[in-house]
C-alpha cells in the first residue's frame, strides 16, 4: 500500500502533526490533574488529542519562580516515566512555558527546566516574543541548558502579544526551530493603551450584532489573520488565543469554530479542563466531511492517484491533498475512521 504522504507531496502539512488543543496549567494540583486527564483521554481517543503546557510564567507566584520551575521539571519527568512504564503507540506530549527572554527569571527558567527535563519536553513556549532576535536569544539559552540530553533540538512555540510583534511575525514564522505561533489577545489589547475597548477581549453572544469583540474588532481580527497567514506561509501551526468565558460553553464553541473555519487556525488554547473537549470537537471534521474524504482518498488510491470524478466533480492531486488532510485531522482529533483508511495511520504516532 502506497501511503498518501509518499504520493501527495506537501500533504504532510504542519497542521497535521500537533494536537488541536494546547492546555495551559500552572498550579501544581491542576498540573497533575491535567497530566492525568491527558493520559485518560489518550487511552479513550487512541491519540494525543491535547498537549499539556506546564506554566512557569503565569503559574508562578511572585517570589516563587525558582520553585515553580523545579515543580515543572518534576512533573514533566514523572509524566515521562509514567508513559514509559506503560508503553503505548500514543505519545503524550508535555511542554513548558517560560518567562519572556527579557524577564529576570528567563535565564533560570531555561537552566532549570531544560537542564532538568529536556528529554521529557515536546516543546518550549516563550511568551512576549517581539522579533527574530528574541527567538535566537531564547534558542541559544535553551540549547545551552539542554546540552546533550536530546537527540534533536527542542522545538520553540512563541506567543505574539504586541502590534510590533505582529509586524515581525512573517520573519519569526520562517525560523526553522519555530513550530507554532500563538496570539496573546489580552496583552495585545492592553498594548494599545485604551485604543481598543475591553470588549475585544471577550466573545459576544450570538444575538449581539454590535459589540466589537475579539472576532469583530478590526485591529484584533487583523492581528489574528496576520499570524495565521504567516504560519501557513511557513508551514507552521497557528494557535488561537484563550476564551476567558470558560463557564459559557456556547461562547467557547462559537469561538473555536470561528477560529478553525473562518480564520485558518489549526490549534487553540485551553485554560480550563471543561474547554478541552469542545475545542477538540470544533476542530474535528464533520461526519459528512469525513465520509466524503474517505470516498475520495480511497477512490484516488484505487486509480493510482490519477484524476477521478466523484459526485459529478473532478478531483486531482490538489484536492486529494485537501481530503487527505481532513483524514489526518480526523485521526488527530480521535475520530473513528473506517478500517479502509485506518490502516494509513497504523504506524503514525502523534
C-alpha atoms as a PDB file:
ATOM      1  CA  UNK A   1       0.000   0.000   0.000  1.00  0.00           C
ATOM      2  CA  UNK A   2       1.486   3.315  -1.106  1.00  0.00           C
ATOM      3  CA  UNK A   3       0.981   5.850   1.638  1.00  0.00           C
ATOM      4  CA  UNK A   4      -0.677   9.155   0.607  1.00  0.00           C
ATOM      5  CA  UNK A   5       2.184  11.042   2.210  1.00  0.00           C
ATOM      6  CA  UNK A   6       4.541   9.419  -0.290  1.00  0.00           C
ATOM      7  CA  UNK A   7       2.409  10.451  -3.254  1.00  0.00           C
ATOM      8  CA  UNK A   8       0.793  13.737  -2.299  1.00  0.00           C
ATOM      9  CA  UNK A   9       3.839  15.938  -1.927  1.00  0.00           C
ATOM     10  CA  UNK A  10       3.115  18.731   0.506  1.00  0.00           C
ATOM     11  CA  UNK A  11       0.205  16.859   2.076  1.00  0.00           C
ATOM     12  CA  UNK A  12       2.060  16.401   5.348  1.00  0.00           C
ATOM     13  CA  UNK A  13       1.461  19.990   6.397  1.00  0.00           C
ATOM     14  CA  UNK A  14       2.486  21.183   9.848  1.00  0.00           C
ATOM     15  CA  UNK A  15      -1.126  21.324  10.972  1.00  0.00           C
ATOM     16  CA  UNK A  16      -1.288  17.531  10.794  1.00  0.00           C
ATOM     17  CA  UNK A  17       1.333  16.987  13.456  1.00  0.00           C
ATOM     18  CA  UNK A  18       0.263  18.925  16.550  1.00  0.00           C
ATOM     19  CA  UNK A  19      -2.780  18.236  18.713  1.00  0.00           C
ATOM     20  CA  UNK A  20      -5.527  20.777  18.098  1.00  0.00           C
ATOM     21  CA  UNK A  21      -5.772  21.777  21.769  1.00  0.00           C
ATOM     22  CA  UNK A  22      -2.993  23.241  23.916  1.00  0.00           C
ATOM     23  CA  UNK A  23      -3.999  23.139  27.589  1.00  0.00           C
ATOM     24  CA  UNK A  24      -2.253  25.526  29.994  1.00  0.00           C
ATOM     25  CA  UNK A  25      -1.942  24.844  33.693  1.00  0.00           C
ATOM     26  CA  UNK A  26       0.238  26.421  36.378  1.00  0.00           C
ATOM     27  CA  UNK A  27      -0.975  25.436  39.837  1.00  0.00           C
ATOM     28  CA  UNK A  28       0.657  22.190  40.948  1.00  0.00           C
ATOM     29  CA  UNK A  29      -2.565  20.345  41.758  1.00  0.00           C
ATOM     30  CA  UNK A  30      -4.085  21.403  38.442  1.00  0.00           C
ATOM     31  CA  UNK A  31      -0.972  20.486  36.510  1.00  0.00           C
ATOM     32  CA  UNK A  32      -1.162  16.982  37.980  1.00  0.00           C
ATOM     33  CA  UNK A  33      -4.857  16.709  37.096  1.00  0.00           C
ATOM     34  CA  UNK A  34      -4.154  17.939  33.560  1.00  0.00           C
ATOM     35  CA  UNK A  35      -1.500  15.291  33.024  1.00  0.00           C
ATOM     36  CA  UNK A  36      -3.809  12.591  34.368  1.00  0.00           C
ATOM     37  CA  UNK A  37      -6.623  13.792  32.111  1.00  0.00           C
ATOM     38  CA  UNK A  38      -4.255  13.731  29.138  1.00  0.00           C
ATOM     39  CA  UNK A  39      -3.411  10.093  29.861  1.00  0.00           C
ATOM     40  CA  UNK A  40      -7.089   9.162  30.233  1.00  0.00           C
ATOM     41  CA  UNK A  41      -8.143  10.888  27.023  1.00  0.00           C
ATOM     42  CA  UNK A  42      -5.211   9.437  25.082  1.00  0.00           C
ATOM     43  CA  UNK A  43      -6.477   5.988  26.009  1.00  0.00           C
ATOM     44  CA  UNK A  44     -10.060   6.964  25.175  1.00  0.00           C
ATOM     45  CA  UNK A  45      -9.316   8.502  21.760  1.00  0.00           C
ATOM     46  CA  UNK A  46      -6.287   6.462  20.747  1.00  0.00           C
ATOM     47  CA  UNK A  47      -4.388   9.683  20.047  1.00  0.00           C
ATOM     48  CA  UNK A  48      -2.807  12.529  21.985  1.00  0.00           C
ATOM     49  CA  UNK A  49      -5.685  14.936  21.455  1.00  0.00           C
ATOM     50  CA  UNK A  50      -4.281  17.763  23.555  1.00  0.00           C
ATOM     51  CA  UNK A  51      -0.918  18.994  24.736  1.00  0.00           C
ATOM     52  CA  UNK A  52      -0.284  19.983  28.338  1.00  0.00           C
ATOM     53  CA  UNK A  53       1.813  23.115  28.769  1.00  0.00           C
ATOM     54  CA  UNK A  54       3.162  23.448  32.307  1.00  0.00           C
ATOM     55  CA  UNK A  55       3.337  27.143  33.100  1.00  0.00           C
ATOM     56  CA  UNK A  56       6.371  28.805  34.679  1.00  0.00           C
ATOM     57  CA  UNK A  57       5.130  32.287  33.809  1.00  0.00           C
ATOM     58  CA  UNK A  58       1.552  32.979  34.895  1.00  0.00           C
ATOM     59  CA  UNK A  59       1.562  29.886  37.080  1.00  0.00           C
ATOM     60  CA  UNK A  60       4.404  31.106  39.303  1.00  0.00           C
ATOM     61  CA  UNK A  61       3.515  33.060  42.467  1.00  0.00           C
ATOM     62  CA  UNK A  62       5.640  36.183  42.869  1.00  0.00           C
ATOM     63  CA  UNK A  63       8.820  35.235  44.673  1.00  0.00           C
ATOM     64  CA  UNK A  64       8.416  31.527  43.954  1.00  0.00           C
ATOM     65  CA  UNK A  65       9.599  31.454  40.347  1.00  0.00           C
ATOM     66  CA  UNK A  66      12.500  29.104  41.013  1.00  0.00           C
ATOM     67  CA  UNK A  67      10.290  26.719  42.986  1.00  0.00           C
ATOM     68  CA  UNK A  68       7.780  26.735  40.117  1.00  0.00           C
ATOM     69  CA  UNK A  69      10.465  25.833  37.590  1.00  0.00           C
ATOM     70  CA  UNK A  70      11.609  22.905  39.738  1.00  0.00           C
ATOM     71  CA  UNK A  71       7.982  21.787  40.101  1.00  0.00           C
ATOM     72  CA  UNK A  72       7.579  21.798  36.316  1.00  0.00           C
ATOM     73  CA  UNK A  73      10.729  19.685  35.956  1.00  0.00           C
ATOM     74  CA  UNK A  74       9.451  17.146  38.455  1.00  0.00           C
ATOM     75  CA  UNK A  75       6.025  16.838  36.847  1.00  0.00           C
ATOM     76  CA  UNK A  76       7.399  16.581  33.297  1.00  0.00           C
ATOM     77  CA  UNK A  77       9.798  13.827  34.299  1.00  0.00           C
ATOM     78  CA  UNK A  78       7.091  11.995  36.245  1.00  0.00           C
ATOM     79  CA  UNK A  79       4.810  12.087  33.205  1.00  0.00           C
ATOM     80  CA  UNK A  80       7.580  10.695  31.016  1.00  0.00           C
ATOM     81  CA  UNK A  81       8.360   7.938  33.499  1.00  0.00           C
ATOM     82  CA  UNK A  82       4.673   7.001  33.759  1.00  0.00           C
ATOM     83  CA  UNK A  83       4.368   6.805  29.975  1.00  0.00           C
ATOM     84  CA  UNK A  84       7.482   4.627  29.753  1.00  0.00           C
ATOM     85  CA  UNK A  85       6.136   2.301  32.442  1.00  0.00           C
ATOM     86  CA  UNK A  86       3.055   1.592  30.311  1.00  0.00           C
ATOM     87  CA  UNK A  87       4.250   1.716  26.684  1.00  0.00           C
ATOM     88  CA  UNK A  88       1.722   2.831  24.072  1.00  0.00           C
ATOM     89  CA  UNK A  89       1.736   3.872  20.439  1.00  0.00           C
ATOM     90  CA  UNK A  90       0.360   7.222  21.611  1.00  0.00           C
ATOM     91  CA  UNK A  91       2.999   9.676  22.775  1.00  0.00           C
ATOM     92  CA  UNK A  92       1.736  12.030  25.474  1.00  0.00           C
ATOM     93  CA  UNK A  93       3.110  15.480  24.741  1.00  0.00           C
ATOM     94  CA  UNK A  94       4.140  17.839  27.531  1.00  0.00           C
ATOM     95  CA  UNK A  95       5.635  21.303  27.079  1.00  0.00           C
ATOM     96  CA  UNK A  96       6.582  24.205  29.327  1.00  0.00           C
ATOM     97  CA  UNK A  97       6.062  27.943  29.147  1.00  0.00           C
ATOM     98  CA  UNK A  98       8.965  30.000  30.445  1.00  0.00           C
ATOM     99  CA  UNK A  99       9.228  33.703  31.257  1.00  0.00           C
ATOM    100  CA  UNK A 100       9.914  36.149  28.384  1.00  0.00           C
ATOM    101  CA  UNK A 101      13.521  36.486  27.249  1.00  0.00           C
ATOM    102  CA  UNK A 102      13.869  39.936  28.845  1.00  0.00           C
ATOM    103  CA  UNK A 103      12.471  38.808  32.207  1.00  0.00           C
ATOM    104  CA  UNK A 104      14.866  38.412  35.155  1.00  0.00           C
ATOM    105  CA  UNK A 105      13.825  34.763  35.575  1.00  0.00           C
ATOM    106  CA  UNK A 106      14.148  33.643  31.947  1.00  0.00           C
ATOM    107  CA  UNK A 107      17.742  32.500  32.363  1.00  0.00           C
ATOM    108  CA  UNK A 108      16.994  30.488  35.482  1.00  0.00           C
ATOM    109  CA  UNK A 109      13.859  29.022  33.866  1.00  0.00           C
ATOM    110  CA  UNK A 110      15.943  27.835  30.930  1.00  0.00           C
ATOM    111  CA  UNK A 111      18.687  26.388  33.110  1.00  0.00           C
ATOM    112  CA  UNK A 112      16.324  24.623  35.491  1.00  0.00           C
ATOM    113  CA  UNK A 113      13.643  23.402  33.078  1.00  0.00           C
ATOM    114  CA  UNK A 114      15.841  22.415  30.145  1.00  0.00           C
ATOM    115  CA  UNK A 115      18.690  21.341  32.371  1.00  0.00           C
ATOM    116  CA  UNK A 116      16.389  19.043  34.316  1.00  0.00           C
ATOM    117  CA  UNK A 117      13.729  17.895  31.858  1.00  0.00           C
ATOM    118  CA  UNK A 118      14.898  18.475  28.284  1.00  0.00           C
ATOM    119  CA  UNK A 119      14.266  14.851  27.327  1.00  0.00           C
ATOM    120  CA  UNK A 120      10.755  14.901  28.780  1.00  0.00           C
ATOM    121  CA  UNK A 121       9.518  18.007  26.955  1.00  0.00           C
ATOM    122  CA  UNK A 122       8.000  18.141  23.474  1.00  0.00           C
ATOM    123  CA  UNK A 123       8.446  21.910  23.108  1.00  0.00           C
ATOM    124  CA  UNK A 124       9.107  25.162  24.930  1.00  0.00           C
ATOM    125  CA  UNK A 125       6.741  28.132  24.771  1.00  0.00           C
ATOM    126  CA  UNK A 126       8.311  31.591  25.060  1.00  0.00           C
ATOM    127  CA  UNK A 127       5.870  34.479  25.580  1.00  0.00           C
ATOM    128  CA  UNK A 128       6.123  38.129  24.504  1.00  0.00           C
ATOM    129  CA  UNK A 129       8.392  37.438  21.544  1.00  0.00           C
ATOM    130  CA  UNK A 130       8.913  40.716  19.705  1.00  0.00           C
ATOM    131  CA  UNK A 131      11.389  39.867  16.970  1.00  0.00           C
ATOM    132  CA  UNK A 132      13.576  37.259  15.313  1.00  0.00           C
ATOM    133  CA  UNK A 133      16.355  38.369  17.661  1.00  0.00           C
ATOM    134  CA  UNK A 134      14.235  37.245  20.628  1.00  0.00           C
ATOM    135  CA  UNK A 135      13.849  33.827  19.005  1.00  0.00           C
ATOM    136  CA  UNK A 136      17.605  33.473  18.555  1.00  0.00           C
ATOM    137  CA  UNK A 137      18.267  34.645  22.113  1.00  0.00           C
ATOM    138  CA  UNK A 138      15.794  32.139  23.520  1.00  0.00           C
ATOM    139  CA  UNK A 139      17.149  29.238  21.494  1.00  0.00           C
ATOM    140  CA  UNK A 140      20.743  29.950  22.472  1.00  0.00           C
ATOM    141  CA  UNK A 141      19.800  29.760  26.159  1.00  0.00           C
ATOM    142  CA  UNK A 142      17.624  26.668  25.707  1.00  0.00           C
ATOM    143  CA  UNK A 143      20.231  24.754  23.719  1.00  0.00           C
ATOM    144  CA  UNK A 144      22.975  25.605  26.180  1.00  0.00           C
ATOM    145  CA  UNK A 145      20.839  24.394  29.086  1.00  0.00           C
ATOM    146  CA  UNK A 146      19.689  21.191  27.348  1.00  0.00           C
ATOM    147  CA  UNK A 147      23.221  20.157  26.424  1.00  0.00           C
ATOM    148  CA  UNK A 148      23.287  16.616  25.047  1.00  0.00           C
ATOM    149  CA  UNK A 149      20.067  15.392  26.688  1.00  0.00           C
ATOM    150  CA  UNK A 150      18.077  15.395  23.453  1.00  0.00           C
ATOM    151  CA  UNK A 151      18.641  13.633  20.137  1.00  0.00           C
ATOM    152  CA  UNK A 152      17.139  16.621  18.301  1.00  0.00           C
ATOM    153  CA  UNK A 153      16.848  20.316  19.232  1.00  0.00           C
ATOM    154  CA  UNK A 154      13.708  21.220  21.157  1.00  0.00           C
ATOM    155  CA  UNK A 155      11.021  22.972  19.061  1.00  0.00           C
ATOM    156  CA  UNK A 156      10.021  26.502  20.008  1.00  0.00           C
ATOM    157  CA  UNK A 157       6.490  27.835  20.320  1.00  0.00           C
ATOM    158  CA  UNK A 158       6.171  31.606  20.521  1.00  0.00           C
ATOM    159  CA  UNK A 159       3.482  33.943  21.764  1.00  0.00           C
ATOM    160  CA  UNK A 160       2.825  37.167  19.833  1.00  0.00           C
ATOM    161  CA  UNK A 161       1.360  39.813  22.133  1.00  0.00           C
ATOM    162  CA  UNK A 162       2.007  43.289  20.713  1.00  0.00           C
ATOM    163  CA  UNK A 163       1.388  45.253  17.488  1.00  0.00           C
ATOM    164  CA  UNK A 164       5.154  45.480  16.931  1.00  0.00           C
ATOM    165  CA  UNK A 165       5.447  41.681  17.153  1.00  0.00           C
ATOM    166  CA  UNK A 166       2.605  41.217  14.664  1.00  0.00           C
ATOM    167  CA  UNK A 167       4.623  43.352  12.252  1.00  0.00           C
ATOM    168  CA  UNK A 168       7.523  40.862  12.586  1.00  0.00           C
ATOM    169  CA  UNK A 169       5.505  37.656  12.533  1.00  0.00           C
ATOM    170  CA  UNK A 170       6.363  36.535   8.990  1.00  0.00           C
ATOM    171  CA  UNK A 171      10.081  36.648   9.780  1.00  0.00           C
ATOM    172  CA  UNK A 172       9.508  34.848  13.089  1.00  0.00           C
ATOM    173  CA  UNK A 173       7.457  32.114  11.409  1.00  0.00           C
ATOM    174  CA  UNK A 174      10.249  31.409   8.907  1.00  0.00           C
ATOM    175  CA  UNK A 175      12.699  30.361  11.616  1.00  0.00           C
ATOM    176  CA  UNK A 176      13.250  26.589  11.276  1.00  0.00           C
ATOM    177  CA  UNK A 177      13.011  25.969  15.028  1.00  0.00           C
ATOM    178  CA  UNK A 178       9.675  27.763  15.416  1.00  0.00           C
ATOM    179  CA  UNK A 179       6.951  25.122  15.332  1.00  0.00           C
ATOM    180  CA  UNK A 180       3.861  27.087  16.343  1.00  0.00           C
ATOM    181  CA  UNK A 181       2.812  30.708  16.897  1.00  0.00           C
ATOM    182  CA  UNK A 182       0.100  31.738  19.336  1.00  0.00           C
ATOM    183  CA  UNK A 183      -1.777  35.017  19.723  1.00  0.00           C
ATOM    184  CA  UNK A 184      -1.821  36.721  23.129  1.00  0.00           C
ATOM    185  CA  UNK A 185      -5.146  38.509  22.995  1.00  0.00           C
ATOM    186  CA  UNK A 186      -5.292  40.319  26.307  1.00  0.00           C
ATOM    187  CA  UNK A 187      -1.757  41.664  26.190  1.00  0.00           C
ATOM    188  CA  UNK A 188      -2.329  42.715  22.578  1.00  0.00           C
ATOM    189  CA  UNK A 189      -5.405  44.719  23.561  1.00  0.00           C
ATOM    190  CA  UNK A 190      -3.611  46.230  26.556  1.00  0.00           C
ATOM    191  CA  UNK A 191      -0.681  47.239  24.365  1.00  0.00           C
ATOM    192  CA  UNK A 192      -2.951  49.731  22.573  1.00  0.00           C
ATOM    193  CA  UNK A 193      -3.250  51.973  25.648  1.00  0.00           C
ATOM    194  CA  UNK A 194      -7.035  52.081  25.663  1.00  0.00           C
ATOM    195  CA  UNK A 195      -7.457  52.483  21.908  1.00  0.00           C
ATOM    196  CA  UNK A 196      -9.112  49.047  21.747  1.00  0.00           C
ATOM    197  CA  UNK A 197     -12.106  48.554  24.097  1.00  0.00           C
ATOM    198  CA  UNK A 198     -12.179  45.845  26.753  1.00  0.00           C
ATOM    199  CA  UNK A 199     -14.983  44.148  24.828  1.00  0.00           C
ATOM    200  CA  UNK A 200     -12.348  42.998  22.316  1.00  0.00           C
ATOM    201  CA  UNK A 201     -11.022  40.570  24.929  1.00  0.00           C
ATOM    202  CA  UNK A 202     -14.323  38.697  25.023  1.00  0.00           C
ATOM    203  CA  UNK A 203     -16.795  36.872  22.802  1.00  0.00           C
ATOM    204  CA  UNK A 204     -20.160  38.442  22.083  1.00  0.00           C
ATOM    205  CA  UNK A 205     -23.350  36.421  22.202  1.00  0.00           C
ATOM    206  CA  UNK A 206     -24.980  35.073  19.068  1.00  0.00           C
ATOM    207  CA  UNK A 207     -27.783  37.613  19.456  1.00  0.00           C
ATOM    208  CA  UNK A 208     -25.364  40.569  19.774  1.00  0.00           C
ATOM    209  CA  UNK A 209     -24.501  42.122  16.418  1.00  0.00           C
ATOM    210  CA  UNK A 210     -22.987  45.354  17.702  1.00  0.00           C
ATOM    211  CA  UNK A 211     -20.254  44.663  20.259  1.00  0.00           C
ATOM    212  CA  UNK A 212     -16.696  44.758  18.922  1.00  0.00           C
ATOM    213  CA  UNK A 213     -15.445  41.525  20.435  1.00  0.00           C
ATOM    214  CA  UNK A 214     -12.248  39.616  19.604  1.00  0.00           C
ATOM    215  CA  UNK A 215     -13.714  38.370  16.319  1.00  0.00           C
ATOM    216  CA  UNK A 216     -15.085  41.706  15.145  1.00  0.00           C
ATOM    217  CA  UNK A 217     -12.706  44.449  16.238  1.00  0.00           C
ATOM    218  CA  UNK A 218     -10.700  45.264  13.072  1.00  0.00           C
ATOM    219  CA  UNK A 219      -7.288  45.579  14.752  1.00  0.00           C
ATOM    220  CA  UNK A 220      -7.654  42.336  16.687  1.00  0.00           C
ATOM    221  CA  UNK A 221      -9.019  40.472  13.679  1.00  0.00           C
ATOM    222  CA  UNK A 222      -6.178  41.785  11.523  1.00  0.00           C
ATOM    223  CA  UNK A 223      -3.594  40.541  14.016  1.00  0.00           C
ATOM    224  CA  UNK A 224      -5.170  37.078  14.111  1.00  0.00           C
ATOM    225  CA  UNK A 225      -5.201  36.868  10.332  1.00  0.00           C
ATOM    226  CA  UNK A 226      -1.589  38.032  10.036  1.00  0.00           C
ATOM    227  CA  UNK A 227      -0.453  35.305  12.442  1.00  0.00           C
ATOM    228  CA  UNK A 228      -2.460  32.603  10.667  1.00  0.00           C
ATOM    229  CA  UNK A 229      -1.206  33.732   7.277  1.00  0.00           C
ATOM    230  CA  UNK A 230       2.429  33.836   8.409  1.00  0.00           C
ATOM    231  CA  UNK A 231       2.165  30.350   9.854  1.00  0.00           C
ATOM    232  CA  UNK A 232       0.627  28.811   6.757  1.00  0.00           C
ATOM    233  CA  UNK A 233       3.177  30.559   4.523  1.00  0.00           C
ATOM    234  CA  UNK A 234       5.995  28.967   6.546  1.00  0.00           C
ATOM    235  CA  UNK A 235       4.362  25.588   7.219  1.00  0.00           C
ATOM    236  CA  UNK A 236       3.894  26.279  10.928  1.00  0.00           C
ATOM    237  CA  UNK A 237       0.907  25.808  13.254  1.00  0.00           C
ATOM    238  CA  UNK A 238      -1.201  28.872  14.143  1.00  0.00           C
ATOM    239  CA  UNK A 239      -2.635  28.559  17.659  1.00  0.00           C
ATOM    240  CA  UNK A 240      -5.677  30.624  18.628  1.00  0.00           C
ATOM    241  CA  UNK A 241      -5.909  32.535  21.878  1.00  0.00           C
ATOM    242  CA  UNK A 242      -7.855  31.698  25.008  1.00  0.00           C
ATOM    243  CA  UNK A 243     -11.537  32.264  25.611  1.00  0.00           C
ATOM    244  CA  UNK A 244     -11.890  33.536  29.157  1.00  0.00           C
ATOM    245  CA  UNK A 245     -15.619  32.757  29.324  1.00  0.00           C
ATOM    246  CA  UNK A 246     -14.854  29.193  30.375  1.00  0.00           C
ATOM    247  CA  UNK A 247     -18.253  28.814  32.056  1.00  0.00           C
ATOM    248  CA  UNK A 248     -20.018  29.603  28.780  1.00  0.00           C
ATOM    249  CA  UNK A 249     -19.837  26.529  26.504  1.00  0.00           C
ATOM    250  CA  UNK A 250     -21.717  28.279  23.699  1.00  0.00           C
ATOM    251  CA  UNK A 251     -19.206  31.141  23.619  1.00  0.00           C
ATOM    252  CA  UNK A 252     -16.331  28.684  23.554  1.00  0.00           C
ATOM    253  CA  UNK A 253     -17.868  26.570  20.786  1.00  0.00           C
ATOM    254  CA  UNK A 254     -18.616  29.683  18.732  1.00  0.00           C
ATOM    255  CA  UNK A 255     -15.072  30.977  19.194  1.00  0.00           C
ATOM    256  CA  UNK A 256     -13.416  27.654  18.393  1.00  0.00           C
ATOM    257  CA  UNK A 257     -15.448  27.086  15.234  1.00  0.00           C
ATOM    258  CA  UNK A 258     -14.781  30.634  14.025  1.00  0.00           C
ATOM    259  CA  UNK A 259     -11.053  30.236  14.676  1.00  0.00           C
ATOM    260  CA  UNK A 260     -10.972  26.921  12.814  1.00  0.00           C
ATOM    261  CA  UNK A 261     -13.349  27.595   9.935  1.00  0.00           C
ATOM    262  CA  UNK A 262     -13.029  31.331   9.270  1.00  0.00           C
ATOM    263  CA  UNK A 263      -9.546  32.340  10.450  1.00  0.00           C
ATOM    264  CA  UNK A 264      -7.421  29.361   9.464  1.00  0.00           C
ATOM    265  CA  UNK A 265      -6.266  28.304  12.939  1.00  0.00           C
ATOM    266  CA  UNK A 266      -5.461  24.634  13.465  1.00  0.00           C
ATOM    267  CA  UNK A 267      -4.892  24.727  17.215  1.00  0.00           C
ATOM    268  CA  UNK A 268      -6.346  26.573  20.214  1.00  0.00           C
ATOM    269  CA  UNK A 269      -5.505  27.253  23.843  1.00  0.00           C
ATOM    270  CA  UNK A 270      -7.466  25.854  26.749  1.00  0.00           C
ATOM    271  CA  UNK A 271      -7.250  27.299  30.266  1.00  0.00           C
ATOM    272  CA  UNK A 272      -9.826  25.048  31.937  1.00  0.00           C
ATOM    273  CA  UNK A 273     -10.397  21.287  31.589  1.00  0.00           C
ATOM    274  CA  UNK A 274     -14.002  21.917  30.554  1.00  0.00           C
ATOM    275  CA  UNK A 275     -12.724  23.671  27.420  1.00  0.00           C
ATOM    276  CA  UNK A 276     -10.727  20.741  26.064  1.00  0.00           C
ATOM    277  CA  UNK A 277     -13.475  18.553  24.610  1.00  0.00           C
ATOM    278  CA  UNK A 278     -15.393  21.444  22.962  1.00  0.00           C
ATOM    279  CA  UNK A 279     -12.172  22.622  21.303  1.00  0.00           C
ATOM    280  CA  UNK A 280     -11.407  19.128  20.021  1.00  0.00           C
ATOM    281  CA  UNK A 281     -14.949  18.819  18.702  1.00  0.00           C
ATOM    282  CA  UNK A 282     -14.834  22.206  16.974  1.00  0.00           C
ATOM    283  CA  UNK A 283     -11.572  21.378  15.223  1.00  0.00           C
ATOM    284  CA  UNK A 284     -12.740  17.898  14.156  1.00  0.00           C
ATOM    285  CA  UNK A 285     -14.186  17.331  10.681  1.00  0.00           C
ATOM    286  CA  UNK A 286     -17.925  16.781  10.444  1.00  0.00           C
ATOM    287  CA  UNK A 287     -19.286  13.328   9.682  1.00  0.00           C
ATOM    288  CA  UNK A 288     -20.232  14.418   6.170  1.00  0.00           C
ATOM    289  CA  UNK A 289     -16.791  15.891   5.518  1.00  0.00           C
ATOM    290  CA  UNK A 290     -15.097  12.782   6.853  1.00  0.00           C
ATOM    291  CA  UNK A 291     -17.274  10.483   4.729  1.00  0.00           C
ATOM    292  CA  UNK A 292     -16.505  12.460   1.579  1.00  0.00           C
ATOM    293  CA  UNK A 293     -12.782  12.493   2.379  1.00  0.00           C
ATOM    294  CA  UNK A 294     -12.763   8.713   2.800  1.00  0.00           C
ATOM    295  CA  UNK A 295     -14.572   8.234  -0.521  1.00  0.00           C
ATOM    296  CA  UNK A 296     -12.215  10.494  -2.457  1.00  0.00           C
ATOM    297  CA  UNK A 297      -8.951   9.251  -0.940  1.00  0.00           C
ATOM    298  CA  UNK A 298      -9.875   5.581  -1.377  1.00  0.00           C
ATOM    299  CA  UNK A 299     -11.015   6.078  -4.975  1.00  0.00           C
ATOM    300  CA  UNK A 300      -7.886   8.093  -5.739  1.00  0.00           C
ATOM    301  CA  UNK A 301      -5.729   5.297  -4.343  1.00  0.00           C
ATOM    302  CA  UNK A 302      -7.588   2.722  -6.460  1.00  0.00           C
ATOM    303  CA  UNK A 303      -6.857   4.848  -9.533  1.00  0.00           C
ATOM    304  CA  UNK A 304      -3.168   5.223  -8.608  1.00  0.00           C
ATOM    305  CA  UNK A 305      -3.768   8.911  -7.794  1.00  0.00           C
ATOM    306  CA  UNK A 306      -4.839   9.829 -11.313  1.00  0.00           C
ATOM    307  CA  UNK A 307      -7.711  12.372 -11.675  1.00  0.00           C
ATOM    308  CA  UNK A 308     -11.121  10.993 -10.705  1.00  0.00           C
ATOM    309  CA  UNK A 309     -14.766  12.042 -10.712  1.00  0.00           C
ATOM    310  CA  UNK A 310     -16.819  11.844  -7.501  1.00  0.00           C
ATOM    311  CA  UNK A 311     -20.416  13.047  -7.279  1.00  0.00           C
ATOM    312  CA  UNK A 312     -20.034  14.793 -10.614  1.00  0.00           C
ATOM    313  CA  UNK A 313     -16.938  16.764  -9.583  1.00  0.00           C
ATOM    314  CA  UNK A 314     -13.412  16.393 -10.877  1.00  0.00           C
ATOM    315  CA  UNK A 315     -10.673  15.751  -8.323  1.00  0.00           C
ATOM    316  CA  UNK A 316      -6.920  15.603  -8.815  1.00  0.00           C
ATOM    317  CA  UNK A 317      -3.876  15.766  -6.573  1.00  0.00           C
ATOM    318  CA  UNK A 318      -4.663  19.280  -5.402  1.00  0.00           C
ATOM    319  CA  UNK A 319      -7.975  18.201  -3.893  1.00  0.00           C
ATOM    320  CA  UNK A 320      -6.541  14.820  -2.882  1.00  0.00           C
ATOM    321  CA  UNK A 321      -4.146  16.728  -0.620  1.00  0.00           C
ATOM    322  CA  UNK A 322      -7.032  18.590   0.984  1.00  0.00           C
ATOM    323  CA  UNK A 323      -9.100  15.492   1.667  1.00  0.00           C
ATOM    324  CA  UNK A 324      -6.092  13.578   2.953  1.00  0.00           C
ATOM    325  CA  UNK A 325      -5.542  16.421   5.414  1.00  0.00           C
ATOM    326  CA  UNK A 326      -9.173  16.013   6.508  1.00  0.00           C
ATOM    327  CA  UNK A 327      -8.365  12.395   7.350  1.00  0.00           C
ATOM    328  CA  UNK A 328      -5.228  13.462   9.208  1.00  0.00           C
ATOM    329  CA  UNK A 329      -7.261  15.927  11.252  1.00  0.00           C
ATOM    330  CA  UNK A 330      -9.836  13.240  11.973  1.00  0.00           C
ATOM    331  CA  UNK A 331      -7.144  10.890  13.248  1.00  0.00           C
ATOM    332  CA  UNK A 332      -5.511  13.702  15.201  1.00  0.00           C
ATOM    333  CA  UNK A 333      -8.777  14.519  16.980  1.00  0.00           C
ATOM    334  CA  UNK A 334      -9.626  10.931  17.815  1.00  0.00           C
ATOM    335  CA  UNK A 335     -12.425  10.426  15.285  1.00  0.00           C
ATOM    336  CA  UNK A 336     -13.361   6.857  14.443  1.00  0.00           C
ATOM    337  CA  UNK A 337     -12.052   6.062  10.983  1.00  0.00           C
ATOM    338  CA  UNK A 338     -13.311   3.310   8.685  1.00  0.00           C
ATOM    339  CA  UNK A 339     -10.966   0.329   8.518  1.00  0.00           C
ATOM    340  CA  UNK A 340     -10.282   1.023   4.847  1.00  0.00           C
ATOM    341  CA  UNK A 341      -8.431   4.257   5.678  1.00  0.00           C
ATOM    342  CA  UNK A 342      -7.494   3.452   9.261  1.00  0.00           C
ATOM    343  CA  UNK A 343      -4.580   1.393   8.015  1.00  0.00           C
ATOM    344  CA  UNK A 344      -2.869   4.534   6.802  1.00  0.00           C
ATOM    345  CA  UNK A 345      -2.482   5.585  10.434  1.00  0.00           C
ATOM    346  CA  UNK A 346      -1.442   2.290  11.955  1.00  0.00           C
ATOM    347  CA  UNK A 347       2.174   3.380  12.215  1.00  0.00           C
ATOM    348  CA  UNK A 348       1.754   7.134  12.667  1.00  0.00           C
ATOM    349  CA  UNK A 349       2.475   8.234  16.226  1.00  0.00           C
ATOM    350  CA  UNK A 350       1.086  11.544  17.482  1.00  0.00           C
END
